[in-house]
Amino acid sequence: MNSRARFGGDRPAPASSMRVAGTVDFPRRRVQIESMKYRVVIEPDEDGVFVAECPALPGCISQGKTRAEALANIKDAMTGYLASLKKHGEPAPL
């Protein structure tokens, strides 16, 4: 997912890691994931791609052509998932 898609439409991602009203500070969210431990399950599917899922975060699923790509993609998905929970005042699962 490119930064334009992540931040919506033609609006580019913020250049700095400072908080800007209405945006999510993804570099800081990645630190949150790295400090918390979530189990990730990676399995090959019938089409030869690897599907990654975080069972503690319902619906948090991604994929990649390799295990490494699937792992990188699920980390990005988890970052967005946890940022959304925080934005909506929901607690992060332990």
Foldseek 3Di string as FASTA:
>chain_A
DDQCVVFDHPDGDDPDQDDDPPDFNLVVLLVVDVVDDFDKDWDADPVQKIKIDGVQQPPQIDIGNDPVRRVVVSSSSVSVSVSVCVVVVHDRGD
